[in-house]
PDB file of N, CA and C in Angstrom:
ATOM      1  N   UNK A   1     -22.318  23.039 -38.185  1.00  0.00           N
ATOM      2  CA  UNK A   1     -21.260  22.076 -37.982  1.00  0.00           C
ATOM      3  C   UNK A   1     -20.618  21.757 -39.330  1.00  0.00           C
ATOM      4  N   UNK A   2     -19.327  21.634 -39.336  1.00  0.00           N
ATOM      5  CA  UNK A   2     -18.582  21.402 -40.565  1.00  0.00           C
ATOM      6  C   UNK A   2     -18.552  19.918 -40.925  1.00  0.00           C
ATOM      7  N   UNK A   3     -18.537  19.646 -42.230  1.00  0.00           N
ATOM      8  CA  UNK A   3     -18.413  18.268 -42.705  1.00  0.00           C
ATOM      9  C   UNK A   3     -16.960  17.885 -42.937  1.00  0.00           C
ATOM     10  N   UNK A   4     -16.036  18.804 -42.667  1.00  0.00           N
ATOM     11  CA  UNK A   4     -14.625  18.548 -42.901  1.00  0.00           C
ATOM     12  C   UNK A   4     -14.010  17.763 -41.741  1.00  0.00           C
ATOM     13  N   UNK A   5     -13.215  16.762 -42.080  1.00  0.00           N
ATOM     14  CA  UNK A   5     -12.540  15.963 -41.067  1.00  0.00           C
ATOM     15  C   UNK A   5     -11.247  16.672 -40.665  1.00  0.00           C
ATOM     16  N   UNK A   6     -10.986  16.729 -39.365  1.00  0.00           N
ATOM     17  CA  UNK A   6      -9.753  17.344 -38.887  1.00  0.00           C
ATOM     18  C   UNK A   6      -8.602  16.381 -39.140  1.00  0.00           C
ATOM     19  N   UNK A   7      -7.611  16.814 -39.897  1.00  0.00           N
ATOM     20  CA  UNK A   7      -6.492  15.945 -40.240  1.00  0.00           C
ATOM     21  C   UNK A   7      -5.178  16.422 -39.651  1.00  0.00           C
ATOM     22  N   UNK A   8      -5.189  17.544 -38.954  1.00  0.00           N
ATOM     23  CA  UNK A   8      -3.986  18.044 -38.316  1.00  0.00           C
ATOM     24  C   UNK A   8      -4.395  18.906 -37.132  1.00  0.00           C
ATOM     25  N   UNK A   9      -3.457  19.174 -36.237  1.00  0.00           N
ATOM     26  CA  UNK A   9      -3.789  20.005 -35.073  1.00  0.00           C
ATOM     27  C   UNK A   9      -4.314  21.366 -35.499  1.00  0.00           C
ATOM     28  N   UNK A  10      -5.198  21.930 -34.689  1.00  0.00           N
ATOM     29  CA  UNK A  10      -5.806  23.205 -35.052  1.00  0.00           C
ATOM     30  C   UNK A  10      -5.079  24.400 -34.461  1.00  0.00           C
ATOM     31  N   UNK A  11      -4.154  24.172 -33.547  1.00  0.00           N
ATOM     32  CA  UNK A  11      -3.410  25.287 -32.962  1.00  0.00           C
ATOM     33  C   UNK A  11      -2.389  25.812 -33.963  1.00  0.00           C
ATOM     34  N   UNK A  12      -2.245  27.125 -34.038  1.00  0.00           N
ATOM     35  CA  UNK A  12      -1.247  27.721 -34.921  1.00  0.00           C
ATOM     36  C   UNK A  12       0.136  27.206 -34.563  1.00  0.00           C
ATOM     37  N   UNK A  13       0.890  26.778 -35.566  1.00  0.00           N
ATOM     38  CA  UNK A  13       2.248  26.308 -35.358  1.00  0.00           C
ATOM     39  C   UNK A  13       2.364  24.858 -34.953  1.00  0.00           C
ATOM     40  N   UNK A  14       1.242  24.180 -34.740  1.00  0.00           N
ATOM     41  CA  UNK A  14       1.297  22.803 -34.258  1.00  0.00           C
ATOM     42  C   UNK A  14       1.947  21.859 -35.264  1.00  0.00           C
ATOM     43  N   UNK A  15       1.812  22.138 -36.541  1.00  0.00           N
ATOM     44  CA  UNK A  15       2.425  21.247 -37.528  1.00  0.00           C
ATOM     45  C   UNK A  15       3.938  21.423 -37.574  1.00  0.00           C
ATOM     46  N   UNK A  16       4.457  22.543 -37.050  1.00  0.00           N
ATOM     47  CA  UNK A  16       5.898  22.766 -37.011  1.00  0.00           C
ATOM     48  C   UNK A  16       6.513  22.318 -35.692  1.00  0.00           C
ATOM     49  N   UNK A  17       5.724  21.847 -34.757  1.00  0.00           N
ATOM     50  CA  UNK A  17       6.224  21.452 -33.440  1.00  0.00           C
ATOM     51  C   UNK A  17       7.112  20.219 -33.551  1.00  0.00           C
ATOM     52  N   UNK A  18       8.054  20.118 -32.615  1.00  0.00           N
ATOM     53  CA  UNK A  18       8.911  18.939 -32.556  1.00  0.00           C
ATOM     54  C   UNK A  18       8.105  17.757 -32.026  1.00  0.00           C
ATOM     55  N   UNK A  19       8.633  16.562 -32.195  1.00  0.00           N
ATOM     56  CA  UNK A  19       7.968  15.365 -31.674  1.00  0.00           C
ATOM     57  C   UNK A  19       7.767  15.501 -30.160  1.00  0.00           C
ATOM     58  N   UNK A  20       8.778  16.013 -29.470  1.00  0.00           N
ATOM     59  CA  UNK A  20       8.685  16.192 -28.019  1.00  0.00           C
ATOM     60  C   UNK A  20       7.531  17.125 -27.656  1.00  0.00           C
ATOM     61  N   UNK A  21       7.403  18.228 -28.380  1.00  0.00           N
ATOM     62  CA  UNK A  21       6.330  19.183 -28.118  1.00  0.00           C
ATOM     63  C   UNK A  21       4.963  18.583 -28.422  1.00  0.00           C
ATOM     64  N   UNK A  22       4.883  17.822 -29.499  1.00  0.00           N
ATOM     65  CA  UNK A  22       3.610  17.173 -29.845  1.00  0.00           C
ATOM     66  C   UNK A  22       3.224  16.142 -28.791  1.00  0.00           C
ATOM     67  N   UNK A  23       4.204  15.351 -28.332  1.00  0.00           N
ATOM     68  CA  UNK A  23       3.928  14.352 -27.303  1.00  0.00           C
ATOM     69  C   UNK A  23       3.465  15.021 -26.021  1.00  0.00           C
ATOM     70  N   UNK A  24       4.131  16.097 -25.653  1.00  0.00           N
ATOM     71  CA  UNK A  24       3.739  16.828 -24.451  1.00  0.00           C
ATOM     72  C   UNK A  24       2.301  17.347 -24.574  1.00  0.00           C
ATOM     73  N   UNK A  25       1.941  17.851 -25.762  1.00  0.00           N
ATOM     74  CA  UNK A  25       0.577  18.320 -25.987  1.00  0.00           C
ATOM     75  C   UNK A  25      -0.448  17.207 -25.897  1.00  0.00           C
ATOM     76  N   UNK A  26      -0.105  16.037 -26.451  1.00  0.00           N
ATOM     77  CA  UNK A  26      -1.019  14.894 -26.362  1.00  0.00           C
ATOM     78  C   UNK A  26      -1.214  14.469 -24.918  1.00  0.00           C
ATOM     79  N   UNK A  27      -0.132  14.465 -24.148  1.00  0.00           N
ATOM     80  CA  UNK A  27      -0.231  14.097 -22.732  1.00  0.00           C
ATOM     81  C   UNK A  27      -1.156  15.057 -22.006  1.00  0.00           C
ATOM     82  N   UNK A  28      -1.026  16.349 -22.276  1.00  0.00           N
ATOM     83  CA  UNK A  28      -1.903  17.338 -21.645  1.00  0.00           C
ATOM     84  C   UNK A  28      -3.358  17.121 -22.040  1.00  0.00           C
ATOM     85  N   UNK A  29      -3.604  16.827 -23.321  1.00  0.00           N
ATOM     86  CA  UNK A  29      -4.972  16.583 -23.782  1.00  0.00           C
ATOM     87  C   UNK A  29      -5.578  15.359 -23.112  1.00  0.00           C
ATOM     88  N   UNK A  30      -4.812  14.269 -23.077  1.00  0.00           N
ATOM     89  CA  UNK A  30      -5.310  13.038 -22.469  1.00  0.00           C
ATOM     90  C   UNK A  30      -5.563  13.248 -20.979  1.00  0.00           C
ATOM     91  N   UNK A  31      -4.662  13.944 -20.303  1.00  0.00           N
ATOM     92  CA  UNK A  31      -4.851  14.228 -18.883  1.00  0.00           C
ATOM     93  C   UNK A  31      -6.137  15.025 -18.664  1.00  0.00           C
ATOM     94  N   UNK A  32      -6.359  16.018 -19.492  1.00  0.00           N
ATOM     95  CA  UNK A  32      -7.565  16.840 -19.362  1.00  0.00           C
ATOM     96  C   UNK A  32      -8.839  16.047 -19.667  1.00  0.00           C
ATOM     97  N   UNK A  33      -8.794  15.250 -20.738  1.00  0.00           N
ATOM     98  CA  UNK A  33      -9.997  14.558 -21.210  1.00  0.00           C
ATOM     99  C   UNK A  33     -10.333  13.289 -20.419  1.00  0.00           C
ATOM    100  N   UNK A  34      -9.321  12.627 -19.844  1.00  0.00           N
ATOM    101  CA  UNK A  34      -9.556  11.295 -19.276  1.00  0.00           C
ATOM    102  C   UNK A  34      -9.002  11.105 -17.868  1.00  0.00           C
ATOM    103  N   UNK A  35      -8.699  12.175 -17.155  1.00  0.00           N
ATOM    104  CA  UNK A  35      -8.058  12.040 -15.841  1.00  0.00           C
ATOM    105  C   UNK A  35      -8.897  11.248 -14.842  1.00  0.00           C
ATOM    106  N   UNK A  36     -10.205  11.249 -14.991  1.00  0.00           N
ATOM    107  CA  UNK A  36     -11.076  10.535 -14.046  1.00  0.00           C
ATOM    108  C   UNK A  36     -11.160   9.042 -14.332  1.00  0.00           C
ATOM    109  N   UNK A  37     -10.544   8.571 -15.413  1.00  0.00           N
ATOM    110  CA  UNK A  37     -10.636   7.163 -15.807  1.00  0.00           C
ATOM    111  C   UNK A  37      -9.497   6.311 -15.260  1.00  0.00           C
ATOM    112  N   UNK A  38      -8.508   6.915 -14.637  1.00  0.00           N
ATOM    113  CA  UNK A  38      -7.394   6.170 -14.075  1.00  0.00           C
ATOM    114  C   UNK A  38      -6.210   6.096 -15.032  1.00  0.00           C
ATOM    115  N   UNK A  39      -5.057   5.749 -14.474  1.00  0.00           N
ATOM    116  CA  UNK A  39      -3.798   5.768 -15.227  1.00  0.00           C
ATOM    117  C   UNK A  39      -3.790   4.772 -16.381  1.00  0.00           C
ATOM    118  N   UNK A  40      -4.343   3.573 -16.176  1.00  0.00           N
ATOM    119  CA  UNK A  40      -4.353   2.567 -17.242  1.00  0.00           C
ATOM    120  C   UNK A  40      -5.144   3.017 -18.452  1.00  0.00           C
ATOM    121  N   UNK A  41      -6.311   3.580 -18.212  1.00  0.00           N
ATOM    122  CA  UNK A  41      -7.146   4.066 -19.315  1.00  0.00           C
ATOM    123  C   UNK A  41      -6.497   5.260 -19.992  1.00  0.00           C
ATOM    124  N   UNK A  42      -5.870   6.124 -19.204  1.00  0.00           N
ATOM    125  CA  UNK A  42      -5.186   7.277 -19.786  1.00  0.00           C
ATOM    126  C   UNK A  42      -4.042   6.822 -20.689  1.00  0.00           C
ATOM    127  N   UNK A  43      -3.302   5.817 -20.257  1.00  0.00           N
ATOM    128  CA  UNK A  43      -2.202   5.290 -21.071  1.00  0.00           C
ATOM    129  C   UNK A  43      -2.735   4.720 -22.380  1.00  0.00           C
ATOM    130  N   UNK A  44      -3.866   4.015 -22.311  1.00  0.00           N
ATOM    131  CA  UNK A  44      -4.472   3.469 -23.533  1.00  0.00           C
ATOM    132  C   UNK A  44      -4.876   4.583 -24.495  1.00  0.00           C
ATOM    133  N   UNK A  45      -5.508   5.631 -23.970  1.00  0.00           N
ATOM    134  CA  UNK A  45      -5.923   6.763 -24.806  1.00  0.00           C
ATOM    135  C   UNK A  45      -4.711   7.463 -25.408  1.00  0.00           C
ATOM    136  N   UNK A  46      -3.644   7.602 -24.618  1.00  0.00           N
ATOM    137  CA  UNK A  46      -2.434   8.246 -25.122  1.00  0.00           C
ATOM    138  C   UNK A  46      -1.830   7.434 -26.260  1.00  0.00           C
ATOM    139  N   UNK A  47      -1.732   6.118 -26.096  1.00  0.00           N
ATOM    140  CA  UNK A  47      -1.203   5.273 -27.172  1.00  0.00           C
ATOM    141  C   UNK A  47      -2.061   5.383 -28.428  1.00  0.00           C
ATOM    142  N   UNK A  48      -3.382   5.415 -28.257  1.00  0.00           N
ATOM    143  CA  UNK A  48      -4.277   5.557 -29.410  1.00  0.00           C
ATOM    144  C   UNK A  48      -4.036   6.877 -30.128  1.00  0.00           C
ATOM    145  N   UNK A  49      -3.939   7.963 -29.378  1.00  0.00           N
ATOM    146  CA  UNK A  49      -3.731   9.280 -29.992  1.00  0.00           C
ATOM    147  C   UNK A  49      -2.359   9.386 -30.643  1.00  0.00           C
ATOM    148  N   UNK A  50      -1.359   8.752 -30.041  1.00  0.00           N
ATOM    149  CA  UNK A  50      -0.025   8.750 -30.650  1.00  0.00           C
ATOM    150  C   UNK A  50      -0.064   8.036 -31.994  1.00  0.00           C
ATOM    151  N   UNK A  51      -0.766   6.915 -32.057  1.00  0.00           N
ATOM    152  CA  UNK A  51      -0.874   6.170 -33.312  1.00  0.00           C
ATOM    153  C   UNK A  51      -1.633   6.983 -34.366  1.00  0.00           C
ATOM    154  N   UNK A  52      -2.686   7.665 -33.953  1.00  0.00           N
ATOM    155  CA  UNK A  52      -3.490   8.464 -34.884  1.00  0.00           C
ATOM    156  C   UNK A  52      -2.709   9.645 -35.457  1.00  0.00           C
ATOM    157  N   UNK A  53      -1.830  10.222 -34.652  1.00  0.00           N
ATOM    158  CA  UNK A  53      -1.138  11.446 -35.056  1.00  0.00           C
ATOM    159  C   UNK A  53       0.279  11.214 -35.564  1.00  0.00           C
ATOM    160  N   UNK A  54       0.796  10.004 -35.380  1.00  0.00           N
ATOM    161  CA  UNK A  54       2.159   9.709 -35.824  1.00  0.00           C
ATOM    162  C   UNK A  54       3.227  10.213 -34.883  1.00  0.00           C
ATOM    163  N   UNK A  55       2.843  10.598 -33.668  1.00  0.00           N
ATOM    164  CA  UNK A  55       3.827  11.034 -32.674  1.00  0.00           C
ATOM    165  C   UNK A  55       4.523   9.790 -32.133  1.00  0.00           C
ATOM    166  N   UNK A  56       5.846   9.874 -32.031  1.00  0.00           N
ATOM    167  CA  UNK A  56       6.632   8.731 -31.593  1.00  0.00           C
ATOM    168  C   UNK A  56       6.944   8.821 -30.107  1.00  0.00           C
ATOM    169  N   UNK A  57       7.046   7.648 -29.476  1.00  0.00           N
ATOM    170  CA  UNK A  57       7.439   7.568 -28.078  1.00  0.00           C
ATOM    171  C   UNK A  57       8.895   7.991 -27.961  1.00  0.00           C
ATOM    172  N   UNK A  58       9.266   8.512 -26.829  1.00  0.00           N
ATOM    173  CA  UNK A  58      10.647   8.924 -26.607  1.00  0.00           C
ATOM    174  C   UNK A  58      11.329   7.960 -25.653  1.00  0.00           C
ATOM    175  N   UNK A  59      12.621   7.765 -25.852  1.00  0.00           N
ATOM    176  CA  UNK A  59      13.412   6.952 -24.936  1.00  0.00           C
ATOM    177  C   UNK A  59      13.525   7.688 -23.606  1.00  0.00           C
ATOM    178  N   UNK A  60      13.669   6.946 -22.520  1.00  0.00           N
ATOM    179  CA  UNK A  60      13.748   7.560 -21.196  1.00  0.00           C
ATOM    180  C   UNK A  60      14.873   8.591 -21.118  1.00  0.00           C
ATOM    181  N   UNK A  61      15.975   8.365 -21.821  1.00  0.00           N
ATOM    182  CA  UNK A  61      17.090   9.302 -21.798  1.00  0.00           C
ATOM    183  C   UNK A  61      16.818  10.577 -22.577  1.00  0.00           C
ATOM    184  N   UNK A  62      15.768  10.592 -23.395  1.00  0.00           N
ATOM    185  CA  UNK A  62      15.446  11.755 -24.209  1.00  0.00           C
ATOM    186  C   UNK A  62      14.570  12.768 -23.489  1.00  0.00           C
ATOM    187  N   UNK A  63      14.068  12.416 -22.330  1.00  0.00           N
ATOM    188  CA  UNK A  63      13.121  13.260 -21.615  1.00  0.00           C
ATOM    189  C   UNK A  63      13.866  14.413 -20.946  1.00  0.00           C
ATOM    190  N   UNK A  64      13.309  15.610 -21.054  1.00  0.00           N
ATOM    191  CA  UNK A  64      13.858  16.793 -20.404  1.00  0.00           C
ATOM    192  C   UNK A  64      13.042  17.102 -19.190  1.00  0.00           C
ATOM    193  N   UNK A  65      13.692  17.550 -18.131  1.00  0.00           N
ATOM    194  CA  UNK A  65      12.976  17.954 -16.918  1.00  0.00           C
ATOM    195  C   UNK A  65      12.818  19.445 -16.862  1.00  0.00           C
TER     196      UNK A  65
END
């Protein structure tokens, strides 16, 4: 096991991703890791991860379908 702290995403190209792409990735991670905890807990985990990573929330008009 490594003693190094992870300070950035480990996927290739993740540091070059747009805020939208990073947010989408965080949502996928939270959904995978915490889906059994309910929507409120998932929202809390997502906000925590956004704060940890510096990913910003998007305005409703900024969302792409």
